[in-house]
Protein backbone atom coordinates (compact mmCIF):
# COMPACT_ATOMS: atom_id res chain seq x y z
CA UNK A 1 0.00 0.00 0.00
CA UNK A 2 1.34 3.42 -0.91
CA UNK A 3 1.53 6.29 1.52
CA UNK A 4 -1.11 8.95 1.01
CA UNK A 5 -0.42 12.53 1.88
CA UNK A 6 -3.01 14.73 3.47
CA UNK A 7 -3.35 18.33 2.39
CA UNK A 8 -5.05 21.06 4.34
CA UNK A 9 -7.19 23.61 2.58
CA UNK A 10 -6.41 27.09 3.79
CA UNK A 11 -9.31 29.45 4.48
CA UNK A 12 -9.83 32.55 2.37
CA UNK A 13 -7.89 35.66 3.30
CA UNK A 14 -10.44 38.04 1.81
CA UNK A 15 -14.07 38.69 2.76
CA UNK A 16 -16.88 37.22 0.62
CA UNK A 17 -17.61 40.58 -1.01
CA UNK A 18 -14.03 41.09 -2.26
CA UNK A 19 -14.12 41.13 -6.07
CA UNK A 20 -10.90 39.09 -6.43
CA UNK A 21 -11.57 36.51 -3.72
CA UNK A 22 -12.42 33.80 -6.28
CA UNK A 23 -8.87 34.06 -7.66
CA UNK A 24 -7.48 32.81 -4.35
CA UNK A 25 -9.53 29.60 -4.25
CA UNK A 26 -7.56 27.57 -6.85
CA UNK A 27 -4.36 28.18 -4.91
CA UNK A 28 -6.05 27.16 -1.67
CA UNK A 29 -7.33 23.91 -3.22
CA UNK A 30 -4.24 22.97 -5.22
CA UNK A 31 -2.46 20.81 -2.62
CA UNK A 32 -5.61 18.89 -1.71
CA UNK A 33 -6.43 18.51 -5.41
CA UNK A 34 -2.98 17.08 -6.17
CA UNK A 35 -3.27 14.74 -3.16
CA UNK A 36 -6.64 13.50 -4.45
CA UNK A 37 -5.16 12.83 -7.89
CA UNK A 38 -2.19 10.98 -6.40
CA UNK A 39 -4.51 8.90 -4.22
CA UNK A 40 -6.68 7.99 -7.21
CA UNK A 41 -3.62 7.06 -9.27
CA UNK A 42 -2.30 4.94 -6.40
CA UNK A 43 -5.66 3.13 -6.40
CA UNK A 44 -5.16 2.27 -10.07
CA UNK A 45 -7.12 4.94 -11.95
CA UNK A 46 -5.56 6.51 -15.02
CA UNK A 47 -4.96 10.24 -15.35
CA UNK A 48 -7.63 10.53 -18.04
CA UNK A 49 -10.18 8.62 -15.94
CA UNK A 50 -9.46 10.88 -12.97
CA UNK A 51 -9.68 14.07 -15.02
CA UNK A 52 -12.99 12.99 -16.58
CA UNK A 53 -14.41 12.00 -13.18
CA UNK A 54 -13.39 15.32 -11.62
CA UNK A 55 -14.95 17.28 -14.48
CA UNK A 56 -18.12 15.20 -14.18
CA UNK A 57 -18.28 15.74 -10.42
CA UNK A 58 -17.64 19.48 -10.75
CA UNK A 59 -20.38 19.80 -13.37
CA UNK A 60 -22.82 17.79 -11.25
CA UNK A 61 -22.01 19.99 -8.26
CA UNK A 62 -22.67 23.18 -10.25
CA UNK A 63 -25.95 21.78 -11.57
CA UNK A 64 -27.09 20.70 -8.09
CA UNK A 65 -26.22 24.11 -6.64
CA UNK A 66 -28.18 25.88 -9.40
CA UNK A 67 -31.16 23.57 -8.92
CA UNK A 68 -31.05 24.13 -5.15
CA UNK A 69 -31.00 27.90 -5.64
CA UNK A 70 -33.98 27.65 -8.01
CA UNK A 71 -35.87 25.50 -5.50
CA UNK A 72 -35.13 27.91 -2.64
CA UNK A 73 -36.33 30.81 -4.81
CA UNK A 74 -39.54 28.96 -5.71
CA UNK A 75 -40.20 28.17 -2.03
CA UNK A 76 -39.66 31.80 -1.02
CA UNK A 77 -41.98 32.98 -3.83
CA UNK A 78 -44.69 30.48 -2.78
CA UNK A 79 -44.38 31.59 0.85
CA UNK A 80 -44.78 35.25 -0.14
CA UNK A 81 -47.82 34.46 -2.29
CA UNK A 82 -49.34 32.36 0.48
CA UNK A 83 -48.76 35.15 3.00
CA UNK A 84 -50.45 37.67 0.70
CA UNK A 85 -53.42 35.36 0.11
CA UNK A 86 -54.06 34.68 3.80
CA UNK A 87 -53.03 38.12 5.09
CA UNK A 88 -54.44 40.63 2.62
CA UNK A 89 -53.68 43.57 4.93
CA UNK A 90 -50.18 42.42 5.82
C-alpha atoms as a PDB file:
ATOM      1  CA  UNK A   1       0.000   0.000   0.000  1.00  0.00           C
ATOM      2  CA  UNK A   2       1.344   3.424  -0.913  1.00  0.00           C
ATOM      3  CA  UNK A   3       1.531   6.290   1.525  1.00  0.00           C
ATOM      4  CA  UNK A   4      -1.107   8.947   1.007  1.00  0.00           C
ATOM      5  CA  UNK A   5      -0.416  12.533   1.884  1.00  0.00           C
ATOM      6  CA  UNK A   6      -3.006  14.732   3.472  1.00  0.00           C
ATOM      7  CA  UNK A   7      -3.351  18.326   2.392  1.00  0.00           C
ATOM      8  CA  UNK A   8      -5.051  21.061   4.337  1.00  0.00           C
ATOM      9  CA  UNK A   9      -7.189  23.613   2.581  1.00  0.00           C
ATOM     10  CA  UNK A  10      -6.414  27.094   3.795  1.00  0.00           C
ATOM     11  CA  UNK A  11      -9.315  29.452   4.481  1.00  0.00           C
ATOM     12  CA  UNK A  12      -9.829  32.553   2.369  1.00  0.00           C
ATOM     13  CA  UNK A  13      -7.890  35.663   3.302  1.00  0.00           C
ATOM     14  CA  UNK A  14     -10.442  38.041   1.813  1.00  0.00           C
ATOM     15  CA  UNK A  15     -14.072  38.694   2.760  1.00  0.00           C
ATOM     16  CA  UNK A  16     -16.885  37.223   0.624  1.00  0.00           C
ATOM     17  CA  UNK A  17     -17.610  40.580  -1.007  1.00  0.00           C
ATOM     18  CA  UNK A  18     -14.028  41.088  -2.261  1.00  0.00           C
ATOM     19  CA  UNK A  19     -14.120  41.130  -6.070  1.00  0.00           C
ATOM     20  CA  UNK A  20     -10.897  39.094  -6.434  1.00  0.00           C
ATOM     21  CA  UNK A  21     -11.573  36.506  -3.719  1.00  0.00           C
ATOM     22  CA  UNK A  22     -12.417  33.803  -6.283  1.00  0.00           C
ATOM     23  CA  UNK A  23      -8.870  34.059  -7.657  1.00  0.00           C
ATOM     24  CA  UNK A  24      -7.476  32.811  -4.352  1.00  0.00           C
ATOM     25  CA  UNK A  25      -9.528  29.600  -4.254  1.00  0.00           C
ATOM     26  CA  UNK A  26      -7.556  27.569  -6.855  1.00  0.00           C
ATOM     27  CA  UNK A  27      -4.360  28.185  -4.910  1.00  0.00           C
ATOM     28  CA  UNK A  28      -6.054  27.158  -1.666  1.00  0.00           C
ATOM     29  CA  UNK A  29      -7.326  23.912  -3.219  1.00  0.00           C
ATOM     30  CA  UNK A  30      -4.237  22.966  -5.224  1.00  0.00           C
ATOM     31  CA  UNK A  31      -2.461  20.813  -2.617  1.00  0.00           C
ATOM     32  CA  UNK A  32      -5.611  18.891  -1.715  1.00  0.00           C
ATOM     33  CA  UNK A  33      -6.430  18.506  -5.413  1.00  0.00           C
ATOM     34  CA  UNK A  34      -2.978  17.077  -6.165  1.00  0.00           C
ATOM     35  CA  UNK A  35      -3.273  14.744  -3.162  1.00  0.00           C
ATOM     36  CA  UNK A  36      -6.635  13.505  -4.454  1.00  0.00           C
ATOM     37  CA  UNK A  37      -5.164  12.828  -7.891  1.00  0.00           C
ATOM     38  CA  UNK A  38      -2.186  10.982  -6.400  1.00  0.00           C
ATOM     39  CA  UNK A  39      -4.509   8.905  -4.222  1.00  0.00           C
ATOM     40  CA  UNK A  40      -6.683   7.987  -7.206  1.00  0.00           C
ATOM     41  CA  UNK A  41      -3.618   7.063  -9.274  1.00  0.00           C
ATOM     42  CA  UNK A  42      -2.304   4.940  -6.404  1.00  0.00           C
ATOM     43  CA  UNK A  43      -5.661   3.132  -6.397  1.00  0.00           C
ATOM     44  CA  UNK A  44      -5.163   2.269 -10.071  1.00  0.00           C
ATOM     45  CA  UNK A  45      -7.122   4.936 -11.952  1.00  0.00           C
ATOM     46  CA  UNK A  46      -5.557   6.511 -15.025  1.00  0.00           C
ATOM     47  CA  UNK A  47      -4.959  10.237 -15.349  1.00  0.00           C
ATOM     48  CA  UNK A  48      -7.630  10.525 -18.038  1.00  0.00           C
ATOM     49  CA  UNK A  49     -10.180   8.625 -15.942  1.00  0.00           C
ATOM     50  CA  UNK A  50      -9.461  10.876 -12.970  1.00  0.00           C
ATOM     51  CA  UNK A  51      -9.681  14.069 -15.016  1.00  0.00           C
ATOM     52  CA  UNK A  52     -12.994  12.993 -16.576  1.00  0.00           C
ATOM     53  CA  UNK A  53     -14.410  11.997 -13.178  1.00  0.00           C
ATOM     54  CA  UNK A  54     -13.387  15.317 -11.617  1.00  0.00           C
ATOM     55  CA  UNK A  55     -14.950  17.278 -14.483  1.00  0.00           C
ATOM     56  CA  UNK A  56     -18.121  15.202 -14.182  1.00  0.00           C
ATOM     57  CA  UNK A  57     -18.285  15.739 -10.418  1.00  0.00           C
ATOM     58  CA  UNK A  58     -17.642  19.483 -10.751  1.00  0.00           C
ATOM     59  CA  UNK A  59     -20.384  19.797 -13.370  1.00  0.00           C
ATOM     60  CA  UNK A  60     -22.820  17.791 -11.250  1.00  0.00           C
ATOM     61  CA  UNK A  61     -22.009  19.990  -8.263  1.00  0.00           C
ATOM     62  CA  UNK A  62     -22.667  23.175 -10.246  1.00  0.00           C
ATOM     63  CA  UNK A  63     -25.949  21.785 -11.565  1.00  0.00           C
ATOM     64  CA  UNK A  64     -27.087  20.702  -8.095  1.00  0.00           C
ATOM     65  CA  UNK A  65     -26.223  24.108  -6.644  1.00  0.00           C
ATOM     66  CA  UNK A  66     -28.178  25.877  -9.402  1.00  0.00           C
ATOM     67  CA  UNK A  67     -31.163  23.573  -8.916  1.00  0.00           C
ATOM     68  CA  UNK A  68     -31.049  24.126  -5.152  1.00  0.00           C
ATOM     69  CA  UNK A  69     -30.998  27.901  -5.640  1.00  0.00           C
ATOM     70  CA  UNK A  70     -33.978  27.654  -8.010  1.00  0.00           C
ATOM     71  CA  UNK A  71     -35.872  25.501  -5.498  1.00  0.00           C
ATOM     72  CA  UNK A  72     -35.134  27.906  -2.641  1.00  0.00           C
ATOM     73  CA  UNK A  73     -36.329  30.806  -4.813  1.00  0.00           C
ATOM     74  CA  UNK A  74     -39.544  28.965  -5.705  1.00  0.00           C
ATOM     75  CA  UNK A  75     -40.198  28.173  -2.033  1.00  0.00           C
ATOM     76  CA  UNK A  76     -39.662  31.804  -1.024  1.00  0.00           C
ATOM     77  CA  UNK A  77     -41.978  32.978  -3.833  1.00  0.00           C
ATOM     78  CA  UNK A  78     -44.691  30.482  -2.782  1.00  0.00           C
ATOM     79  CA  UNK A  79     -44.381  31.588   0.846  1.00  0.00           C
ATOM     80  CA  UNK A  80     -44.777  35.253  -0.143  1.00  0.00           C
ATOM     81  CA  UNK A  81     -47.825  34.463  -2.294  1.00  0.00           C
ATOM     82  CA  UNK A  82     -49.342  32.356   0.484  1.00  0.00           C
ATOM     83  CA  UNK A  83     -48.755  35.148   2.997  1.00  0.00           C
ATOM     84  CA  UNK A  84     -50.450  37.673   0.699  1.00  0.00           C
ATOM     85  CA  UNK A  85     -53.416  35.360   0.111  1.00  0.00           C
ATOM     86  CA  UNK A  86     -54.062  34.679   3.797  1.00  0.00           C
ATOM     87  CA  UNK A  87     -53.025  38.115   5.088  1.00  0.00           C
ATOM     88  CA  UNK A  88     -54.441  40.632   2.619  1.00  0.00           C
ATOM     89  CA  UNK A  89     -53.676  43.571   4.930  1.00  0.00           C
ATOM     90  CA  UNK A  90     -50.179  42.422   5.822  1.00  0.00           C
END
